[in-house]
Every structure is written in structure tokens, then in C-alpha cells.
Amino acid sequence: MRGFFLRGLSMKLHQSKLANLNQFTGYGEGYVMVNQERFEGSVLVAADRVEPWSGQRLETLGNADFEPLLALAPEVVLIGTGSKLRFAHPSVYSALLQARIGVDFMDNGALCRTFNILCAEERRVVAVILHDQ
């Protein structure tokens, strides 16, 4: 099923499962699904892991929230900002910029689709998910 993310509705993503790689398989208000498993709250997703993430709200993010991502040495970090695209000031994620890691903000639906494509291309991508508060 293809469609648009609307408040209160959810979307299921369809793609072929890549061996041993995490893929977003759905998302909705307050959750994402990775490999058909539902995760609520803020999460960090990489090709080989899904774990809770300390970031809770875009307005309260700081460099400390991004420290765990540095150890993963990603090429790019995708930051999902809920149902709407929002941005944080670059000072918030300056540790990533100083490490020459690309940072891209997007709504959660776009993040899920982009992550799946980048993983399929064997890119070192990490996604962090925030939800509407």
C-alpha cells in the first residue's frame, strides 16, 4: 500500500527483505516498524541494530544525544522529526558536523523510505526517530 502519512493514520512499507539488514516496514503515530517489529518512542536504527535513543524532543536535543552515533561511524545520519519536517540549529549536532558526517532532517515517512534505499546501497546510515509530542 502506498500513500501519504496523515495524522492518526499509519502506513505500511513494502520492499524486498535484504539479508541481515534492518529495514523499516511501517510507521505511524508514535511508532515505527523495523523488520515487522514495532518500536515505540525515540529509537536509533542502523543496518545491524535497533535501540532506544536518548533524544526525546527536537527542542531539547544536544550534542550529548548524538555522541552514541559517532561510535557507529556513519556516512550520514537521518533525523526523523515526526509527521512534519522540522530543523534543529546546527550547534545542536555540531559533533556530527565536525566529524564530517552528513546530517539530514526529514519527516518520519521520508526517513523510513530514504533509510531503506541507503541500506540497500550498502551505505553506512543511521536513523534516529522522534515523534510528535
N, C-alpha and C. Protein backbone atom coordinates (compact mmCIF):
# COMPACT_ATOMS: atom_id res chain seq x y z
N MET A 1 0.85 -1.17 0.00
CA MET A 1 0.00 0.00 0.00
C MET A 1 0.89 1.23 0.00
N ARG A 2 0.69 2.10 -0.90
CA ARG A 2 1.41 3.36 -0.96
C ARG A 2 0.43 4.48 -0.62
N GLY A 3 0.91 5.53 -0.01
CA GLY A 3 0.04 6.65 0.35
C GLY A 3 0.80 7.70 1.09
N PHE A 4 0.11 8.61 1.67
CA PHE A 4 0.70 9.70 2.39
C PHE A 4 0.48 9.52 3.88
N PHE A 5 1.40 10.04 4.69
CA PHE A 5 1.25 9.98 6.14
C PHE A 5 0.29 11.09 6.56
N LEU A 6 -0.78 10.74 7.17
CA LEU A 6 -1.73 11.70 7.70
C LEU A 6 -1.87 11.44 9.19
N ARG A 7 -2.05 12.48 9.96
CA ARG A 7 -2.18 12.34 11.41
C ARG A 7 -3.26 11.33 11.73
N GLY A 8 -2.91 10.37 12.59
CA GLY A 8 -3.86 9.37 13.01
C GLY A 8 -3.89 8.14 12.11
N LEU A 9 -3.25 8.21 10.96
CA LEU A 9 -3.19 7.06 10.06
C LEU A 9 -1.79 6.48 10.08
N SER A 10 -1.68 5.26 9.68
CA SER A 10 -0.37 4.64 9.60
C SER A 10 -0.13 4.16 8.18
N MET A 11 1.11 3.84 7.90
CA MET A 11 1.45 3.37 6.57
C MET A 11 2.34 2.14 6.69
N LYS A 12 2.10 1.19 5.85
CA LYS A 12 2.93 0.01 5.78
C LYS A 12 3.80 0.13 4.54
N LEU A 13 5.11 -0.11 4.70
CA LEU A 13 6.03 -0.04 3.58
C LEU A 13 6.29 -1.45 3.07
N HIS A 14 6.38 -1.61 1.77
CA HIS A 14 6.68 -2.91 1.18
C HIS A 14 8.00 -2.81 0.42
N GLN A 15 8.86 -3.77 0.64
CA GLN A 15 10.10 -3.88 -0.10
C GLN A 15 10.61 -5.29 0.09
N SER A 16 11.59 -5.65 -0.71
CA SER A 16 12.17 -6.97 -0.51
C SER A 16 13.10 -6.93 0.68
N LYS A 17 13.08 -7.95 1.48
CA LYS A 17 13.93 -8.02 2.68
C LYS A 17 15.35 -8.32 2.28
N LEU A 18 16.28 -7.48 2.69
CA LEU A 18 17.69 -7.69 2.44
C LEU A 18 18.26 -8.51 3.59
N ALA A 19 19.00 -9.53 3.27
CA ALA A 19 19.54 -10.43 4.28
C ALA A 19 20.37 -9.66 5.30
N ASN A 20 20.04 -9.88 6.57
CA ASN A 20 20.80 -9.34 7.69
C ASN A 20 20.82 -7.81 7.80
N LEU A 21 19.93 -7.12 7.12
CA LEU A 21 19.86 -5.66 7.23
C LEU A 21 18.50 -5.25 7.78
N ASN A 22 18.51 -4.29 8.69
CA ASN A 22 17.25 -3.74 9.15
C ASN A 22 16.61 -2.93 8.05
N GLN A 23 15.30 -3.02 7.96
CA GLN A 23 14.52 -2.24 7.02
C GLN A 23 13.26 -1.78 7.72
N PHE A 24 12.87 -0.53 7.49
CA PHE A 24 11.60 -0.04 8.00
C PHE A 24 10.50 -0.71 7.20
N THR A 25 9.53 -1.28 7.91
CA THR A 25 8.42 -1.95 7.24
C THR A 25 7.09 -1.26 7.52
N GLY A 26 7.09 -0.21 8.32
CA GLY A 26 5.88 0.56 8.58
C GLY A 26 6.15 1.66 9.58
N TYR A 27 5.22 2.59 9.66
CA TYR A 27 5.32 3.67 10.64
C TYR A 27 3.94 4.26 10.84
N GLY A 28 3.79 4.92 11.96
CA GLY A 28 2.53 5.59 12.27
C GLY A 28 2.75 6.53 13.43
N GLU A 29 1.69 7.03 13.96
CA GLU A 29 1.78 7.99 15.06
C GLU A 29 2.39 7.33 16.30
N GLY A 30 3.59 7.73 16.66
CA GLY A 30 4.24 7.26 17.87
C GLY A 30 5.02 5.96 17.74
N TYR A 31 5.13 5.41 16.53
CA TYR A 31 5.88 4.15 16.38
C TYR A 31 6.48 4.03 14.98
N VAL A 32 7.45 3.13 14.89
CA VAL A 32 7.97 2.66 13.61
C VAL A 32 8.04 1.15 13.69
N MET A 33 8.04 0.51 12.55
CA MET A 33 8.23 -0.94 12.49
C MET A 33 9.52 -1.22 11.73
N VAL A 34 10.35 -2.07 12.34
CA VAL A 34 11.59 -2.49 11.70
C VAL A 34 11.53 -4.00 11.60
N ASN A 35 11.64 -4.50 10.37
CA ASN A 35 11.55 -5.95 10.13
C ASN A 35 10.29 -6.54 10.77
N GLN A 36 9.19 -5.84 10.63
CA GLN A 36 7.87 -6.25 11.13
C GLN A 36 7.73 -6.16 12.65
N GLU A 37 8.73 -5.64 13.35
CA GLU A 37 8.65 -5.49 14.81
C GLU A 37 8.38 -4.02 15.15
N ARG A 38 7.42 -3.80 16.03
CA ARG A 38 7.00 -2.44 16.38
C ARG A 38 7.89 -1.86 17.49
N PHE A 39 8.33 -0.61 17.29
CA PHE A 39 9.13 0.12 18.28
C PHE A 39 8.46 1.46 18.54
N GLU A 40 8.20 1.73 19.81
CA GLU A 40 7.57 3.00 20.18
C GLU A 40 8.61 3.90 20.83
N GLY A 41 8.37 5.18 20.79
CA GLY A 41 9.30 6.13 21.38
C GLY A 41 10.46 6.42 20.45
N SER A 42 11.43 7.11 20.98
CA SER A 42 12.61 7.50 20.21
C SER A 42 13.55 6.31 20.06
N VAL A 43 13.96 6.03 18.83
CA VAL A 43 14.84 4.91 18.58
C VAL A 43 15.96 5.29 17.62
N LEU A 44 17.05 4.56 17.73
CA LEU A 44 18.18 4.65 16.82
C LEU A 44 18.16 3.38 15.99
N VAL A 45 18.25 3.52 14.68
CA VAL A 45 18.23 2.36 13.80
C VAL A 45 19.43 2.43 12.87
N ALA A 46 20.20 1.36 12.83
CA ALA A 46 21.28 1.19 11.88
C ALA A 46 21.03 -0.13 11.17
N ALA A 47 21.84 -0.45 10.19
CA ALA A 47 21.64 -1.68 9.42
C ALA A 47 21.65 -2.91 10.31
N ASP A 48 22.39 -2.84 11.43
CA ASP A 48 22.56 -4.02 12.27
C ASP A 48 22.04 -3.88 13.69
N ARG A 49 21.33 -2.80 13.99
CA ARG A 49 20.84 -2.62 15.36
C ARG A 49 19.63 -1.71 15.41
N VAL A 50 18.82 -1.93 16.44
CA VAL A 50 17.72 -1.03 16.81
C VAL A 50 17.80 -0.90 18.31
N GLU A 51 17.87 0.32 18.81
CA GLU A 51 17.98 0.53 20.25
C GLU A 51 17.32 1.84 20.65
N PRO A 52 16.95 1.97 21.91
CA PRO A 52 16.38 3.24 22.37
C PRO A 52 17.37 4.37 22.16
N TRP A 53 16.85 5.56 21.92
CA TRP A 53 17.68 6.73 21.73
C TRP A 53 17.33 7.76 22.78
N SER A 54 18.33 8.48 23.29
CA SER A 54 18.11 9.44 24.38
C SER A 54 17.32 10.66 23.95
N GLY A 55 17.38 11.03 22.69
CA GLY A 55 16.64 12.21 22.22
C GLY A 55 15.14 12.00 22.34
N GLN A 56 14.45 12.97 22.88
CA GLN A 56 13.00 12.84 23.05
C GLN A 56 12.22 13.89 22.27
N ARG A 57 12.76 15.09 22.21
CA ARG A 57 12.09 16.20 21.52
C ARG A 57 13.13 17.00 20.76
N LEU A 58 12.79 17.47 19.61
CA LEU A 58 13.72 18.24 18.79
C LEU A 58 14.23 19.46 19.55
N GLU A 59 13.34 20.09 20.32
CA GLU A 59 13.69 21.32 21.04
C GLU A 59 14.68 21.09 22.17
N THR A 60 14.84 19.87 22.63
CA THR A 60 15.73 19.60 23.76
C THR A 60 16.98 18.81 23.36
N LEU A 61 17.18 18.56 22.08
CA LEU A 61 18.36 17.82 21.63
C LEU A 61 19.63 18.60 21.90
N GLY A 62 20.69 17.87 22.19
CA GLY A 62 22.00 18.47 22.37
C GLY A 62 23.07 17.52 21.85
N ASN A 63 24.30 17.99 21.81
CA ASN A 63 25.39 17.17 21.30
C ASN A 63 25.51 15.83 22.03
N ALA A 64 25.19 15.78 23.30
CA ALA A 64 25.29 14.53 24.06
C ALA A 64 24.37 13.45 23.47
N ASP A 65 23.23 13.85 22.91
CA ASP A 65 22.32 12.88 22.30
C ASP A 65 22.94 12.22 21.07
N PHE A 66 23.88 12.90 20.43
CA PHE A 66 24.47 12.40 19.20
C PHE A 66 25.79 11.66 19.42
N GLU A 67 26.33 11.70 20.64
CA GLU A 67 27.59 11.02 20.94
C GLU A 67 27.56 9.53 20.60
N PRO A 68 26.50 8.78 20.95
CA PRO A 68 26.49 7.35 20.62
C PRO A 68 26.56 7.08 19.11
N LEU A 69 26.12 8.02 18.31
CA LEU A 69 26.13 7.85 16.86
C LEU A 69 27.55 7.94 16.31
N LEU A 70 28.40 8.72 16.94
CA LEU A 70 29.78 8.88 16.47
C LEU A 70 30.52 7.55 16.48
N ALA A 71 30.27 6.72 17.48
CA ALA A 71 30.93 5.42 17.59
C ALA A 71 30.55 4.49 16.44
N LEU A 72 29.41 4.73 15.80
CA LEU A 72 28.97 3.90 14.69
C LEU A 72 29.61 4.31 13.36
N ALA A 73 30.27 5.46 13.34
CA ALA A 73 30.96 5.98 12.15
C ALA A 73 30.09 5.97 10.89
N PRO A 74 28.91 6.58 10.96
CA PRO A 74 28.06 6.60 9.77
C PRO A 74 28.55 7.62 8.74
N GLU A 75 28.14 7.42 7.49
CA GLU A 75 28.35 8.44 6.46
C GLU A 75 27.33 9.56 6.63
N VAL A 76 26.12 9.14 6.99
CA VAL A 76 25.01 10.08 7.10
C VAL A 76 24.11 9.68 8.26
N VAL A 77 23.56 10.68 8.92
CA VAL A 77 22.57 10.49 9.97
C VAL A 77 21.26 11.12 9.50
N LEU A 78 20.21 10.34 9.51
CA LEU A 78 18.87 10.83 9.18
C LEU A 78 18.14 11.08 10.48
N ILE A 79 17.57 12.26 10.62
CA ILE A 79 16.84 12.62 11.83
C ILE A 79 15.37 12.79 11.48
N GLY A 80 14.55 11.88 12.00
CA GLY A 80 13.11 11.94 11.76
C GLY A 80 12.46 12.85 12.79
N THR A 81 11.65 13.78 12.31
CA THR A 81 11.08 14.80 13.20
C THR A 81 9.57 14.66 13.38
N GLY A 82 9.05 13.44 13.23
CA GLY A 82 7.62 13.24 13.40
C GLY A 82 6.88 13.35 12.08
N SER A 83 5.65 13.79 12.13
CA SER A 83 4.82 13.85 10.92
C SER A 83 5.14 15.06 10.05
N LYS A 84 5.89 16.01 10.58
CA LYS A 84 6.25 17.22 9.82
C LYS A 84 7.75 17.43 9.85
N LEU A 85 8.26 17.97 8.78
CA LEU A 85 9.67 18.31 8.69
C LEU A 85 9.97 19.52 9.56
N ARG A 86 10.95 19.37 10.45
CA ARG A 86 11.41 20.47 11.29
C ARG A 86 12.93 20.40 11.33
N PHE A 87 13.57 21.47 11.75
CA PHE A 87 15.02 21.53 11.79
C PHE A 87 15.50 21.98 13.16
N ALA A 88 16.70 21.52 13.52
CA ALA A 88 17.37 21.99 14.73
C ALA A 88 18.53 22.89 14.30
N HIS A 89 18.96 23.75 15.19
CA HIS A 89 20.11 24.62 14.91
C HIS A 89 21.36 23.75 14.78
N PRO A 90 22.25 24.06 13.85
CA PRO A 90 23.47 23.26 13.66
C PRO A 90 24.33 23.10 14.92
N SER A 91 24.24 24.02 15.85
CA SER A 91 25.02 23.88 17.09
C SER A 91 24.60 22.64 17.88
N VAL A 92 23.37 22.19 17.68
CA VAL A 92 22.83 21.03 18.39
C VAL A 92 23.54 19.74 17.98
N TYR A 93 23.90 19.65 16.73
CA TYR A 93 24.53 18.43 16.20
C TYR A 93 25.93 18.71 15.65
N SER A 94 26.59 19.70 16.21
CA SER A 94 27.91 20.11 15.71
C SER A 94 28.95 19.00 15.82
N ALA A 95 28.81 18.09 16.78
CA ALA A 95 29.76 16.98 16.89
C ALA A 95 29.73 16.12 15.62
N LEU A 96 28.56 15.93 15.05
CA LEU A 96 28.45 15.18 13.80
C LEU A 96 29.09 15.94 12.65
N LEU A 97 28.84 17.23 12.60
CA LEU A 97 29.40 18.05 11.52
C LEU A 97 30.93 18.08 11.60
N GLN A 98 31.46 18.21 12.81
CA GLN A 98 32.91 18.23 12.98
C GLN A 98 33.55 16.91 12.57
N ALA A 99 32.81 15.81 12.71
CA ALA A 99 33.30 14.50 12.30
C ALA A 99 33.05 14.26 10.80
N ARG A 100 32.56 15.27 10.10
CA ARG A 100 32.29 15.20 8.66
C ARG A 100 31.24 14.13 8.33
N ILE A 101 30.24 14.04 9.17
CA ILE A 101 29.11 13.13 8.97
C ILE A 101 27.94 13.96 8.44
N GLY A 102 27.37 13.52 7.35
CA GLY A 102 26.21 14.21 6.79
C GLY A 102 25.01 14.09 7.71
N VAL A 103 24.21 15.13 7.78
CA VAL A 103 23.02 15.16 8.62
C VAL A 103 21.85 15.63 7.77
N ASP A 104 20.74 14.92 7.83
CA ASP A 104 19.57 15.31 7.06
C ASP A 104 18.33 15.16 7.93
N PHE A 105 17.55 16.20 8.01
CA PHE A 105 16.28 16.20 8.74
C PHE A 105 15.16 15.89 7.76
N MET A 106 14.20 15.08 8.18
CA MET A 106 13.05 14.77 7.34
C MET A 106 11.90 14.26 8.21
N ASP A 107 10.69 14.28 7.65
CA ASP A 107 9.58 13.69 8.39
C ASP A 107 9.80 12.18 8.44
N ASN A 108 9.13 11.51 9.36
CA ASN A 108 9.40 10.09 9.59
C ASN A 108 9.11 9.21 8.38
N GLY A 109 8.11 9.54 7.59
CA GLY A 109 7.82 8.75 6.39
C GLY A 109 8.97 8.82 5.40
N ALA A 110 9.46 10.02 5.14
CA ALA A 110 10.58 10.19 4.23
C ALA A 110 11.83 9.50 4.77
N LEU A 111 12.02 9.59 6.08
CA LEU A 111 13.17 8.94 6.70
C LEU A 111 13.12 7.43 6.46
N CYS A 112 11.98 6.81 6.68
CA CYS A 112 11.86 5.36 6.51
C CYS A 112 12.21 4.96 5.08
N ARG A 113 11.68 5.65 4.10
CA ARG A 113 11.94 5.32 2.70
C ARG A 113 13.41 5.55 2.35
N THR A 114 13.97 6.67 2.80
CA THR A 114 15.36 7.00 2.49
C THR A 114 16.32 6.01 3.14
N PHE A 115 16.08 5.67 4.40
CA PHE A 115 16.91 4.70 5.10
C PHE A 115 16.95 3.38 4.34
N ASN A 116 15.79 2.88 3.92
CA ASN A 116 15.73 1.61 3.21
C ASN A 116 16.56 1.64 1.93
N ILE A 117 16.47 2.73 1.20
CA ILE A 117 17.24 2.86 -0.04
C ILE A 117 18.73 2.90 0.25
N LEU A 118 19.14 3.71 1.22
CA LEU A 118 20.57 3.84 1.53
C LEU A 118 21.14 2.51 2.05
N CYS A 119 20.38 1.80 2.87
CA CYS A 119 20.83 0.48 3.34
C CYS A 119 20.99 -0.48 2.17
N ALA A 120 20.05 -0.47 1.25
CA ALA A 120 20.13 -1.35 0.09
C ALA A 120 21.36 -1.04 -0.75
N GLU A 121 21.79 0.21 -0.72
CA GLU A 121 23.01 0.62 -1.44
C GLU A 121 24.27 0.37 -0.62
N GLU A 122 24.11 -0.27 0.54
CA GLU A 122 25.21 -0.58 1.45
C GLU A 122 25.94 0.67 1.95
N ARG A 123 25.18 1.73 2.15
CA ARG A 123 25.73 2.96 2.73
C ARG A 123 25.69 2.84 4.25
N ARG A 124 26.61 3.48 4.94
CA ARG A 124 26.64 3.48 6.40
C ARG A 124 25.70 4.60 6.88
N VAL A 125 24.47 4.24 7.13
CA VAL A 125 23.44 5.19 7.52
C VAL A 125 22.90 4.83 8.90
N VAL A 126 22.63 5.86 9.68
CA VAL A 126 21.98 5.70 10.98
C VAL A 126 20.77 6.63 10.98
N ALA A 127 19.65 6.11 11.45
CA ALA A 127 18.43 6.91 11.56
C ALA A 127 18.08 7.05 13.04
N VAL A 128 17.68 8.24 13.42
CA VAL A 128 17.12 8.46 14.76
C VAL A 128 15.73 9.04 14.59
N ILE A 129 14.82 8.52 15.37
CA ILE A 129 13.40 8.82 15.20
C ILE A 129 12.88 9.59 16.42
N LEU A 130 12.25 10.71 16.14
CA LEU A 130 11.46 11.45 17.13
C LEU A 130 10.01 11.37 16.70
N HIS A 131 9.11 11.56 17.62
CA HIS A 131 7.69 11.53 17.31
C HIS A 131 7.06 12.84 17.74
N ASP A 132 5.88 13.11 17.20
CA ASP A 132 5.14 14.32 17.59
C ASP A 132 4.84 14.27 19.08
N GLN A 133 5.02 15.38 19.75
CA GLN A 133 4.78 15.44 21.19
C GLN A 133 3.47 16.13 21.46
